[in-house]
Amino acid sequence: MQEITLHEAQQKADEWIKTIGVRYFSELTNMTILTEEVGELARIMARTYGDQSFKKSDLEKNLPDEMADILWVLICLANQTGVNLTEALHNNFEKKTNRDANRHLENEKLKG
């Protein structure tokens, strides 16, 4: 499997939407779909790593696919709103590094 950058993923999703998907859903619809997909991931996480047991309908769901669904919709939202995810992620790493340079090192709850 070939690796793909965020930039390539944004381009590939845009091409797919415009050739196979007909058009983007509205931003609000995609935001709602993103929330729905996060809920599906949460359900799998709760049943896999939490205390809830699986229902028959849960057994056909898989963690990687649900994470990919979330990434797909997030990429669509980024494309629709003009966000460069590569740039945004670089900026986010920088923000977290500056903000949290000592915070986690000094957190007693994380030591041990």
PDB file of N, CA and C in Angstrom:
ATOM      1  N   MET A   1       0.843  -1.172   0.000  1.00  0.00           N
ATOM      2  CA  MET A   1       0.000   0.000   0.000  1.00  0.00           C
ATOM      3  C   MET A   1       0.894   1.244   0.000  1.00  0.00           C
ATOM      4  N   GLN A   2       0.587   2.161  -0.868  1.00  0.00           N
ATOM      5  CA  GLN A   2       1.362   3.386  -0.994  1.00  0.00           C
ATOM      6  C   GLN A   2       0.922   4.410   0.049  1.00  0.00           C
ATOM      7  N   GLU A   3       1.908   5.056   0.675  1.00  0.00           N
ATOM      8  CA  GLU A   3       1.582   6.104   1.639  1.00  0.00           C
ATOM      9  C   GLU A   3       1.020   7.311   0.904  1.00  0.00           C
ATOM     10  N   ILE A   4       0.229   8.090   1.629  1.00  0.00           N
ATOM     11  CA  ILE A   4      -0.402   9.267   1.043  1.00  0.00           C
ATOM     12  C   ILE A   4      -0.256  10.426   2.022  1.00  0.00           C
ATOM     13  N   THR A   5       0.101  11.577   1.513  1.00  0.00           N
ATOM     14  CA  THR A   5       0.213  12.757   2.367  1.00  0.00           C
ATOM     15  C   THR A   5      -1.174  13.350   2.584  1.00  0.00           C
ATOM     16  N   LEU A   6      -1.285  14.244   3.545  1.00  0.00           N
ATOM     17  CA  LEU A   6      -2.556  14.935   3.751  1.00  0.00           C
ATOM     18  C   LEU A   6      -2.943  15.732   2.511  1.00  0.00           C
ATOM     19  N   HIS A   7      -1.953  16.385   1.914  1.00  0.00           N
ATOM     20  CA  HIS A   7      -2.216  17.162   0.694  1.00  0.00           C
ATOM     21  C   HIS A   7      -2.765  16.258  -0.412  1.00  0.00           C
ATOM     22  N   GLU A   8      -2.132  15.110  -0.599  1.00  0.00           N
ATOM     23  CA  GLU A   8      -2.607  14.161  -1.611  1.00  0.00           C
ATOM     24  C   GLU A   8      -4.000  13.651  -1.269  1.00  0.00           C
ATOM     25  N   ALA A   9      -4.248  13.415   0.007  1.00  0.00           N
ATOM     26  CA  ALA A   9      -5.568  12.937   0.435  1.00  0.00           C
ATOM     27  C   ALA A   9      -6.635  13.985   0.128  1.00  0.00           C
ATOM     28  N   GLN A  10      -6.316  15.244   0.367  1.00  0.00           N
ATOM     29  CA  GLN A  10      -7.268  16.309   0.061  1.00  0.00           C
ATOM     30  C   GLN A  10      -7.544  16.371  -1.446  1.00  0.00           C
ATOM     31  N   GLN A  11      -6.500  16.249  -2.240  1.00  0.00           N
ATOM     32  CA  GLN A  11      -6.674  16.276  -3.695  1.00  0.00           C
ATOM     33  C   GLN A  11      -7.474  15.062  -4.185  1.00  0.00           C
ATOM     34  N   LYS A  12      -7.132  13.895  -3.652  1.00  0.00           N
ATOM     35  CA  LYS A  12      -7.796  12.659  -4.067  1.00  0.00           C
ATOM     36  C   LYS A  12      -9.278  12.664  -3.687  1.00  0.00           C
ATOM     37  N   ALA A  13      -9.585  13.150  -2.490  1.00  0.00           N
ATOM     38  CA  ALA A  13     -10.985  13.224  -2.061  1.00  0.00           C
ATOM     39  C   ALA A  13     -11.748  14.203  -2.942  1.00  0.00           C
ATOM     40  N   ASP A  14     -11.141  15.337  -3.251  1.00  0.00           N
ATOM     41  CA  ASP A  14     -11.790  16.328  -4.106  1.00  0.00           C
ATOM     42  C   ASP A  14     -12.079  15.749  -5.489  1.00  0.00           C
ATOM     43  N   GLU A  15     -11.112  15.034  -6.028  1.00  0.00           N
ATOM     44  CA  GLU A  15     -11.300  14.399  -7.343  1.00  0.00           C
ATOM     45  C   GLU A  15     -12.418  13.357  -7.287  1.00  0.00           C
ATOM     46  N   TRP A  16     -12.432  12.555  -6.223  1.00  0.00           N
ATOM     47  CA  TRP A  16     -13.466  11.534  -6.070  1.00  0.00           C
ATOM     48  C   TRP A  16     -14.840  12.167  -5.978  1.00  0.00           C
ATOM     49  N   ILE A  17     -14.957  13.194  -5.149  1.00  0.00           N
ATOM     50  CA  ILE A  17     -16.242  13.884  -4.979  1.00  0.00           C
ATOM     51  C   ILE A  17     -16.738  14.411  -6.318  1.00  0.00           C
ATOM     52  N   LYS A  18     -15.861  15.016  -7.084  1.00  0.00           N
ATOM     53  CA  LYS A  18     -16.258  15.664  -8.331  1.00  0.00           C
ATOM     54  C   LYS A  18     -16.502  14.689  -9.477  1.00  0.00           C
ATOM     55  N   THR A  19     -15.999  13.456  -9.380  1.00  0.00           N
ATOM     56  CA  THR A  19     -16.195  12.489 -10.465  1.00  0.00           C
ATOM     57  C   THR A  19     -17.172  11.371 -10.103  1.00  0.00           C
ATOM     58  N   ILE A  20     -17.160  10.940  -8.856  1.00  0.00           N
ATOM     59  CA  ILE A  20     -18.016   9.820  -8.443  1.00  0.00           C
ATOM     60  C   ILE A  20     -19.117  10.276  -7.500  1.00  0.00           C
ATOM     61  N   GLY A  21     -18.772  11.184  -6.600  1.00  0.00           N
ATOM     62  CA  GLY A  21     -19.729  11.627  -5.594  1.00  0.00           C
ATOM     63  C   GLY A  21     -20.668  12.726  -6.056  1.00  0.00           C
ATOM     64  N   VAL A  22     -20.517  13.182  -7.280  1.00  0.00           N
ATOM     65  CA  VAL A  22     -21.327  14.227  -7.907  1.00  0.00           C
ATOM     66  C   VAL A  22     -20.989  15.619  -7.360  1.00  0.00           C
ATOM     67  N   ARG A  23     -21.149  15.818  -6.041  1.00  0.00           N
ATOM     68  CA  ARG A  23     -20.817  17.107  -5.432  1.00  0.00           C
ATOM     69  C   ARG A  23     -20.669  16.895  -3.939  1.00  0.00           C
ATOM     70  N   TYR A  24     -20.078  17.882  -3.290  1.00  0.00           N
ATOM     71  CA  TYR A  24     -19.958  17.836  -1.836  1.00  0.00           C
ATOM     72  C   TYR A  24     -21.341  18.006  -1.215  1.00  0.00           C
ATOM     73  N   PHE A  25     -21.580  17.311  -0.094  1.00  0.00           N
ATOM     74  CA  PHE A  25     -22.733  17.642   0.729  1.00  0.00           C
ATOM     75  C   PHE A  25     -22.454  19.020   1.317  1.00  0.00           C
ATOM     76  N   SER A  26     -23.460  19.688   1.811  1.00  0.00           N
ATOM     77  CA  SER A  26     -23.239  20.997   2.434  1.00  0.00           C
ATOM     78  C   SER A  26     -22.326  20.838   3.645  1.00  0.00           C
ATOM     79  N   GLU A  27     -21.687  21.942   4.020  1.00  0.00           N
ATOM     80  CA  GLU A  27     -20.795  21.917   5.173  1.00  0.00           C
ATOM     81  C   GLU A  27     -21.530  21.470   6.435  1.00  0.00           C
ATOM     82  N   LEU A  28     -22.743  21.934   6.619  1.00  0.00           N
ATOM     83  CA  LEU A  28     -23.504  21.552   7.804  1.00  0.00           C
ATOM     84  C   LEU A  28     -23.841  20.064   7.780  1.00  0.00           C
ATOM     85  N   THR A  29     -24.216  19.557   6.617  1.00  0.00           N
ATOM     86  CA  THR A  29     -24.482  18.122   6.501  1.00  0.00           C
ATOM     87  C   THR A  29     -23.220  17.325   6.809  1.00  0.00           C
ATOM     88  N   ASN A  30     -22.080  17.756   6.258  1.00  0.00           N
ATOM     89  CA  ASN A  30     -20.833  17.036   6.537  1.00  0.00           C
ATOM     90  C   ASN A  30     -20.440  17.127   8.003  1.00  0.00           C
ATOM     91  N   MET A  31     -20.713  18.238   8.653  1.00  0.00           N
ATOM     92  CA  MET A  31     -20.430  18.352  10.087  1.00  0.00           C
ATOM     93  C   MET A  31     -21.275  17.354  10.869  1.00  0.00           C
ATOM     94  N   THR A  32     -22.515  17.213  10.465  1.00  0.00           N
ATOM     95  CA  THR A  32     -23.409  16.257  11.113  1.00  0.00           C
ATOM     96  C   THR A  32     -22.938  14.830  10.865  1.00  0.00           C
ATOM     97  N   ILE A  33     -22.515  14.548   9.648  1.00  0.00           N
ATOM     98  CA  ILE A  33     -21.990  13.217   9.322  1.00  0.00           C
ATOM     99  C   ILE A  33     -20.731  12.933  10.133  1.00  0.00           C
ATOM    100  N   LEU A  34     -19.861  13.947  10.286  1.00  0.00           N
ATOM    101  CA  LEU A  34     -18.646  13.772  11.087  1.00  0.00           C
ATOM    102  C   LEU A  34     -19.006  13.387  12.523  1.00  0.00           C
ATOM    103  N   THR A  35     -19.977  14.068  13.078  1.00  0.00           N
ATOM    104  CA  THR A  35     -20.419  13.767  14.437  1.00  0.00           C
ATOM    105  C   THR A  35     -20.954  12.341  14.530  1.00  0.00           C
ATOM    106  N   GLU A  36     -21.706  11.944  13.532  1.00  0.00           N
ATOM    107  CA  GLU A  36     -22.249  10.590  13.469  1.00  0.00           C
ATOM    108  C   GLU A  36     -21.125   9.548  13.412  1.00  0.00           C
ATOM    109  N   GLU A  37     -20.122   9.818  12.581  1.00  0.00           N
ATOM    110  CA  GLU A  37     -19.002   8.882  12.438  1.00  0.00           C
ATOM    111  C   GLU A  37     -18.193   8.784  13.732  1.00  0.00           C
ATOM    112  N   VAL A  38     -18.000   9.905  14.417  1.00  0.00           N
ATOM    113  CA  VAL A  38     -17.286   9.877  15.697  1.00  0.00           C
ATOM    114  C   VAL A  38     -18.080   9.034  16.698  1.00  0.00           C
ATOM    115  N   GLY A  39     -19.397   9.130  16.654  1.00  0.00           N
ATOM    116  CA  GLY A  39     -20.241   8.309  17.520  1.00  0.00           C
ATOM    117  C   GLY A  39     -20.073   6.826  17.232  1.00  0.00           C
ATOM    118  N   GLU A  40     -19.950   6.468  15.961  1.00  0.00           N
ATOM    119  CA  GLU A  40     -19.739   5.061  15.604  1.00  0.00           C
ATOM    120  C   GLU A  40     -18.393   4.565  16.112  1.00  0.00           C
ATOM    121  N   LEU A  41     -17.373   5.406  16.028  1.00  0.00           N
ATOM    122  CA  LEU A  41     -16.061   5.038  16.571  1.00  0.00           C
ATOM    123  C   LEU A  41     -16.156   4.885  18.092  1.00  0.00           C
ATOM    124  N   ALA A  42     -16.846   5.803  18.733  1.00  0.00           N
ATOM    125  CA  ALA A  42     -16.997   5.742  20.189  1.00  0.00           C
ATOM    126  C   ALA A  42     -17.684   4.446  20.607  1.00  0.00           C
ATOM    127  N   ARG A  43     -18.656   4.021  19.845  1.00  0.00           N
ATOM    128  CA  ARG A  43     -19.373   2.777  20.150  1.00  0.00           C
ATOM    129  C   ARG A  43     -18.423   1.576  20.107  1.00  0.00           C
ATOM    130  N   ILE A  44     -17.591   1.521  19.076  1.00  0.00           N
ATOM    131  CA  ILE A  44     -16.634   0.417  18.964  1.00  0.00           C
ATOM    132  C   ILE A  44     -15.616   0.477  20.099  1.00  0.00           C
ATOM    133  N   MET A  45     -15.127   1.678  20.402  1.00  0.00           N
ATOM    134  CA  MET A  45     -14.145   1.835  21.476  1.00  0.00           C
ATOM    135  C   MET A  45     -14.739   1.402  22.820  1.00  0.00           C
ATOM    136  N   ALA A  46     -15.985   1.791  23.071  1.00  0.00           N
ATOM    137  CA  ALA A  46     -16.638   1.444  24.334  1.00  0.00           C
ATOM    138  C   ALA A  46     -16.805  -0.064  24.474  1.00  0.00           C
ATOM    139  N   ARG A  47     -17.058  -0.727  23.359  1.00  0.00           N
ATOM    140  CA  ARG A  47     -17.277  -2.165  23.411  1.00  0.00           C
ATOM    141  C   ARG A  47     -15.957  -2.954  23.380  1.00  0.00           C
ATOM    142  N   THR A  48     -14.963  -2.408  22.726  1.00  0.00           N
ATOM    143  CA  THR A  48     -13.672  -3.096  22.642  1.00  0.00           C
ATOM    144  C   THR A  48     -12.818  -2.873  23.884  1.00  0.00           C
ATOM    145  N   TYR A  49     -12.776  -1.646  24.360  1.00  0.00           N
ATOM    146  CA  TYR A  49     -11.882  -1.294  25.462  1.00  0.00           C
ATOM    147  C   TYR A  49     -12.615  -0.948  26.748  1.00  0.00           C
ATOM    148  N   GLY A  50     -13.919  -0.787  26.662  1.00  0.00           N
ATOM    149  CA  GLY A  50     -14.710  -0.451  27.841  1.00  0.00           C
ATOM    150  C   GLY A  50     -15.443  -1.661  28.372  1.00  0.00           C
ATOM    151  N   ASP A  51     -16.491  -1.397  29.097  1.00  0.00           N
ATOM    152  CA  ASP A  51     -17.202  -2.456  29.805  1.00  0.00           C
ATOM    153  C   ASP A  51     -18.428  -2.983  29.081  1.00  0.00           C
ATOM    154  N   GLN A  52     -18.821  -2.332  27.988  1.00  0.00           N
ATOM    155  CA  GLN A  52     -20.017  -2.787  27.284  1.00  0.00           C
ATOM    156  C   GLN A  52     -19.701  -3.992  26.408  1.00  0.00           C
ATOM    157  N   SER A  53     -20.702  -4.836  26.230  1.00  0.00           N
ATOM    158  CA  SER A  53     -20.536  -5.997  25.349  1.00  0.00           C
ATOM    159  C   SER A  53     -21.027  -5.642  23.947  1.00  0.00           C
ATOM    160  N   PHE A  54     -20.550  -6.389  22.976  1.00  0.00           N
ATOM    161  CA  PHE A  54     -20.946  -6.164  21.586  1.00  0.00           C
ATOM    162  C   PHE A  54     -22.356  -6.679  21.341  1.00  0.00           C
ATOM    163  N   LYS A  55     -23.095  -5.952  20.504  1.00  0.00           N
ATOM    164  CA  LYS A  55     -24.371  -6.428  19.984  1.00  0.00           C
ATOM    165  C   LYS A  55     -24.080  -7.033  18.620  1.00  0.00           C
ATOM    166  N   LYS A  56     -24.975  -7.845  18.111  1.00  0.00           N
ATOM    167  CA  LYS A  56     -24.763  -8.441  16.793  1.00  0.00           C
ATOM    168  C   LYS A  56     -24.480  -7.385  15.731  1.00  0.00           C
ATOM    169  N   SER A  57     -25.194  -6.265  15.793  1.00  0.00           N
ATOM    170  CA  SER A  57     -25.022  -5.207  14.793  1.00  0.00           C
ATOM    171  C   SER A  57     -23.647  -4.542  14.888  1.00  0.00           C
ATOM    172  N   ASP A  58     -22.986  -4.653  16.043  1.00  0.00           N
ATOM    173  CA  ASP A  58     -21.662  -4.049  16.220  1.00  0.00           C
ATOM    174  C   ASP A  58     -20.544  -4.907  15.641  1.00  0.00           C
ATOM    175  N   LEU A  59     -20.775  -6.186  15.505  1.00  0.00           N
ATOM    176  CA  LEU A  59     -19.712  -7.105  15.125  1.00  0.00           C
ATOM    177  C   LEU A  59     -19.178  -6.863  13.722  1.00  0.00           C
ATOM    178  N   GLU A  60     -20.002  -6.301  12.843  1.00  0.00           N
ATOM    179  CA  GLU A  60     -19.545  -6.055  11.471  1.00  0.00           C
ATOM    180  C   GLU A  60     -18.770  -4.744  11.327  1.00  0.00           C
ATOM    181  N   LYS A  61     -18.746  -3.936  12.355  1.00  0.00           N
ATOM    182  CA  LYS A  61     -18.009  -2.667  12.333  1.00  0.00           C
ATOM    183  C   LYS A  61     -16.538  -2.940  12.624  1.00  0.00           C
ATOM    184  N   ASN A  62     -15.651  -2.142  12.012  1.00  0.00           N
ATOM    185  CA  ASN A  62     -14.243  -2.311  12.348  1.00  0.00           C
ATOM    186  C   ASN A  62     -13.574  -0.972  12.578  1.00  0.00           C
ATOM    187  N   LEU A  63     -12.668  -0.985  13.525  1.00  0.00           N
ATOM    188  CA  LEU A  63     -12.007   0.222  14.000  1.00  0.00           C
ATOM    189  C   LEU A  63     -11.305   1.013  12.885  1.00  0.00           C
ATOM    190  N   PRO A  64     -10.453   0.380  12.069  1.00  0.00           N
ATOM    191  CA  PRO A  64      -9.780   1.155  11.016  1.00  0.00           C
ATOM    192  C   PRO A  64     -10.751   1.816  10.045  1.00  0.00           C
ATOM    193  N   ASP A  65     -11.813   1.131   9.683  1.00  0.00           N
ATOM    194  CA  ASP A  65     -12.777   1.687   8.738  1.00  0.00           C
ATOM    195  C   ASP A  65     -13.501   2.889   9.337  1.00  0.00           C
ATOM    196  N   GLU A  66     -13.848   2.801  10.609  1.00  0.00           N
ATOM    197  CA  GLU A  66     -14.526   3.923  11.258  1.00  0.00           C
ATOM    198  C   GLU A  66     -13.595   5.131  11.367  1.00  0.00           C
ATOM    199  N   MET A  67     -12.325   4.893  11.671  1.00  0.00           N
ATOM    200  CA  MET A  67     -11.364   6.001  11.721  1.00  0.00           C
ATOM    201  C   MET A  67     -11.194   6.621  10.334  1.00  0.00           C
ATOM    202  N   ALA A  68     -11.165   5.789   9.309  1.00  0.00           N
ATOM    203  CA  ALA A  68     -11.044   6.305   7.939  1.00  0.00           C
ATOM    204  C   ALA A  68     -12.277   7.108   7.546  1.00  0.00           C
ATOM    205  N   ASP A  69     -13.460   6.679   7.986  1.00  0.00           N
ATOM    206  CA  ASP A  69     -14.681   7.448   7.712  1.00  0.00           C
ATOM    207  C   ASP A  69     -14.579   8.858   8.304  1.00  0.00           C
ATOM    208  N   ILE A  70     -14.051   8.939   9.534  1.00  0.00           N
ATOM    209  CA  ILE A  70     -13.886  10.238  10.185  1.00  0.00           C
ATOM    210  C   ILE A  70     -12.904  11.101   9.403  1.00  0.00           C
ATOM    211  N   LEU A  71     -11.790  10.504   9.018  1.00  0.00           N
ATOM    212  CA  LEU A  71     -10.778  11.245   8.265  1.00  0.00           C
ATOM    213  C   LEU A  71     -11.337  11.726   6.933  1.00  0.00           C
ATOM    214  N   TRP A  72     -12.106  10.882   6.275  1.00  0.00           N
ATOM    215  CA  TRP A  72     -12.713  11.241   4.985  1.00  0.00           C
ATOM    216  C   TRP A  72     -13.587  12.487   5.120  1.00  0.00           C
ATOM    217  N   VAL A  73     -14.476  12.477   6.085  1.00  0.00           N
ATOM    218  CA  VAL A  73     -15.401  13.602   6.242  1.00  0.00           C
ATOM    219  C   VAL A  73     -14.638  14.857   6.675  1.00  0.00           C
ATOM    220  N   LEU A  74     -13.634  14.696   7.522  1.00  0.00           N
ATOM    221  CA  LEU A  74     -12.818  15.836   7.931  1.00  0.00           C
ATOM    222  C   LEU A  74     -12.088  16.433   6.724  1.00  0.00           C
ATOM    223  N   ILE A  75     -11.578  15.581   5.856  1.00  0.00           N
ATOM    224  CA  ILE A  75     -10.921  16.048   4.632  1.00  0.00           C
ATOM    225  C   ILE A  75     -11.915  16.797   3.752  1.00  0.00           C
ATOM    226  N   CYS A  76     -13.116  16.278   3.625  1.00  0.00           N
ATOM    227  CA  CYS A  76     -14.144  16.964   2.835  1.00  0.00           C
ATOM    228  C   CYS A  76     -14.440  18.344   3.417  1.00  0.00           C
ATOM    229  N   LEU A  77     -14.587  18.419   4.731  1.00  0.00           N
ATOM    230  CA  LEU A  77     -14.839  19.712   5.370  1.00  0.00           C
ATOM    231  C   LEU A  77     -13.674  20.673   5.152  1.00  0.00           C
ATOM    232  N   ALA A  78     -12.458  20.168   5.228  1.00  0.00           N
ATOM    233  CA  ALA A  78     -11.285  21.013   4.984  1.00  0.00           C
ATOM    234  C   ALA A  78     -11.314  21.546   3.554  1.00  0.00           C
ATOM    235  N   ASN A  79     -11.606  20.685   2.607  1.00  0.00           N
ATOM    236  CA  ASN A  79     -11.677  21.120   1.207  1.00  0.00           C
ATOM    237  C   ASN A  79     -12.754  22.185   1.014  1.00  0.00           C
ATOM    238  N   GLN A  80     -13.885  21.975   1.625  1.00  0.00           N
ATOM    239  CA  GLN A  80     -14.999  22.906   1.456  1.00  0.00           C
ATOM    240  C   GLN A  80     -14.730  24.268   2.074  1.00  0.00           C
ATOM    241  N   THR A  81     -13.940  24.289   3.130  1.00  0.00           N
ATOM    242  CA  THR A  81     -13.728  25.545   3.853  1.00  0.00           C
ATOM    243  C   THR A  81     -12.357  26.157   3.567  1.00  0.00           C
ATOM    244  N   GLY A  82     -11.620  25.550   2.636  1.00  0.00           N
ATOM    245  CA  GLY A  82     -10.332  26.099   2.230  1.00  0.00           C
ATOM    246  C   GLY A  82      -9.203  25.895   3.227  1.00  0.00           C
ATOM    247  N   VAL A  83      -9.310  24.868   4.051  1.00  0.00           N
ATOM    248  CA  VAL A  83      -8.269  24.583   5.038  1.00  0.00           C
ATOM    249  C   VAL A  83      -7.238  23.629   4.436  1.00  0.00           C
ATOM    250  N   ASN A  84      -5.977  24.022   4.526  1.00  0.00           N
ATOM    251  CA  ASN A  84      -4.866  23.164   4.132  1.00  0.00           C
ATOM    252  C   ASN A  84      -4.511  22.346   5.369  1.00  0.00           C
ATOM    253  N   LEU A  85      -4.856  21.063   5.372  1.00  0.00           N
ATOM    254  CA  LEU A  85      -4.656  20.245   6.567  1.00  0.00           C
ATOM    255  C   LEU A  85      -3.183  20.049   6.912  1.00  0.00           C
ATOM    256  N   THR A  86      -2.306  20.009   5.915  1.00  0.00           N
ATOM    257  CA  THR A  86      -0.874  19.873   6.186  1.00  0.00           C
ATOM    258  C   THR A  86      -0.392  21.076   6.989  1.00  0.00           C
ATOM    259  N   GLU A  87      -0.733  22.255   6.530  1.00  0.00           N
ATOM    260  CA  GLU A  87      -0.345  23.489   7.216  1.00  0.00           C
ATOM    261  C   GLU A  87      -0.992  23.559   8.604  1.00  0.00           C
ATOM    262  N   ALA A  88      -2.265  23.205   8.671  1.00  0.00           N
ATOM    263  CA  ALA A  88      -2.977  23.254   9.945  1.00  0.00           C
ATOM    264  C   ALA A  88      -2.363  22.294  10.965  1.00  0.00           C
ATOM    265  N   LEU A  89      -1.972  21.110  10.518  1.00  0.00           N
ATOM    266  CA  LEU A  89      -1.381  20.141  11.440  1.00  0.00           C
ATOM    267  C   LEU A  89      -0.007  20.596  11.908  1.00  0.00           C
ATOM    268  N   HIS A  90       0.803  21.129  10.995  1.00  0.00           N
ATOM    269  CA  HIS A  90       2.109  21.684  11.396  1.00  0.00           C
ATOM    270  C   HIS A  90       1.924  22.786  12.439  1.00  0.00           C
ATOM    271  N   ASN A  91       0.985  23.689  12.185  1.00  0.00           N
ATOM    272  CA  ASN A  91       0.724  24.779  13.122  1.00  0.00           C
ATOM    273  C   ASN A  91       0.225  24.260  14.465  1.00  0.00           C
ATOM    274  N   ASN A  92      -0.569  23.186  14.430  1.00  0.00           N
ATOM    275  CA  ASN A  92      -1.114  22.621  15.654  1.00  0.00           C
ATOM    276  C   ASN A  92      -0.018  21.966  16.489  1.00  0.00           C
ATOM    277  N   PHE A  93       0.907  21.258  15.819  1.00  0.00           N
ATOM    278  CA  PHE A  93       2.046  20.682  16.543  1.00  0.00           C
ATOM    279  C   PHE A  93       2.861  21.782  17.214  1.00  0.00           C
ATOM    280  N   GLU A  94       3.104  22.854  16.481  1.00  0.00           N
ATOM    281  CA  GLU A  94       3.878  23.971  17.020  1.00  0.00           C
ATOM    282  C   GLU A  94       3.166  24.588  18.226  1.00  0.00           C
ATOM    283  N   LYS A  95       1.867  24.785  18.099  1.00  0.00           N
ATOM    284  CA  LYS A  95       1.076  25.351  19.205  1.00  0.00           C
ATOM    285  C   LYS A  95       1.169  24.461  20.441  1.00  0.00           C
ATOM    286  N   LYS A  96       0.981  23.170  20.259  1.00  0.00           N
ATOM    287  CA  LYS A  96       1.020  22.242  21.390  1.00  0.00           C
ATOM    288  C   LYS A  96       2.420  22.181  22.003  1.00  0.00           C
ATOM    289  N   THR A  97       3.437  22.210  21.170  1.00  0.00           N
ATOM    290  CA  THR A  97       4.810  22.160  21.669  1.00  0.00           C
ATOM    291  C   THR A  97       5.121  23.388  22.509  1.00  0.00           C
ATOM    292  N   ASN A  98       4.745  24.547  22.018  1.00  0.00           N
ATOM    293  CA  ASN A  98       4.994  25.785  22.768  1.00  0.00           C
ATOM    294  C   ASN A  98       4.173  25.837  24.049  1.00  0.00           C
ATOM    295  N   ARG A  99       2.929  25.462  23.967  1.00  0.00           N
ATOM    296  CA  ARG A  99       2.024  25.549  25.114  1.00  0.00           C
ATOM    297  C   ARG A  99       2.349  24.499  26.178  1.00  0.00           C
ATOM    298  N   ASP A 100       2.709  23.313  25.720  1.00  0.00           N
ATOM    299  CA  ASP A 100       2.843  22.180  26.637  1.00  0.00           C
ATOM    300  C   ASP A 100       4.284  21.730  26.855  1.00  0.00           C
ATOM    301  N   ALA A 101       5.248  22.613  26.561  1.00  0.00           N
ATOM    302  CA  ALA A 101       6.664  22.241  26.653  1.00  0.00           C
ATOM    303  C   ALA A 101       6.999  21.571  27.985  1.00  0.00           C
ATOM    304  N   ASN A 102       6.468  22.067  29.080  1.00  0.00           N
ATOM    305  CA  ASN A 102       6.766  21.480  30.403  1.00  0.00           C
ATOM    306  C   ASN A 102       5.538  20.909  31.091  1.00  0.00           C
ATOM    307  N   ARG A 103       4.387  21.238  30.588  1.00  0.00           N
ATOM    308  CA  ARG A 103       3.134  20.870  31.253  1.00  0.00           C
ATOM    309  C   ARG A 103       3.029  19.372  31.526  1.00  0.00           C
ATOM    310  N   HIS A 104       3.266  18.553  30.516  1.00  0.00           N
ATOM    311  CA  HIS A 104       3.103  17.104  30.689  1.00  0.00           C
ATOM    312  C   HIS A 104       4.258  16.498  31.486  1.00  0.00           C
ATOM    313  N   LEU A 105       5.456  17.068  31.338  1.00  0.00           N
ATOM    314  CA  LEU A 105       6.605  16.588  32.100  1.00  0.00           C
ATOM    315  C   LEU A 105       6.399  16.806  33.597  1.00  0.00           C
ATOM    316  N   GLU A 106       5.667  17.849  33.928  1.00  0.00           N
ATOM    317  CA  GLU A 106       5.443  18.187  35.344  1.00  0.00           C
ATOM    318  C   GLU A 106       4.159  17.595  35.902  1.00  0.00           C
ATOM    319  N   ASN A 107       3.423  16.873  35.096  1.00  0.00           N
ATOM    320  CA  ASN A 107       2.151  16.289  35.524  1.00  0.00           C
ATOM    321  C   ASN A 107       2.410  14.996  36.301  1.00  0.00           C
ATOM    322  N   GLU A 108       2.142  15.031  37.569  1.00  0.00           N
ATOM    323  CA  GLU A 108       2.357  13.858  38.445  1.00  0.00           C
ATOM    324  C   GLU A 108       1.559  12.648  38.002  1.00  0.00           C
ATOM    325  N   LYS A 109       0.390  12.882  37.417  1.00  0.00           N
ATOM    326  CA  LYS A 109      -0.469  11.786  36.986  1.00  0.00           C
ATOM    327  C   LYS A 109       0.151  10.990  35.840  1.00  0.00           C
ATOM    328  N   LEU A 110       1.070  11.613  35.085  1.00  0.00           N
ATOM    329  CA  LEU A 110       1.683  10.934  33.940  1.00  0.00           C
ATOM    330  C   LEU A 110       3.011  10.259  34.286  1.00  0.00           C
ATOM    331  N   LYS A 111       3.514  10.513  35.458  1.00  0.00           N
ATOM    332  CA  LYS A 111       4.788   9.899  35.864  1.00  0.00           C
ATOM    333  C   LYS A 111       4.545   8.505  36.385  1.00  0.00           C
ATOM    334  N   GLY A 112       5.470   7.650  36.109  1.00  0.00           N
ATOM    335  CA  GLY A 112       5.333   6.341  36.715  1.00  0.00           C
ATOM    336  C   GLY A 112       5.435   5.268  35.783  1.00  0.00           C
TER     337      GLY A 112
END
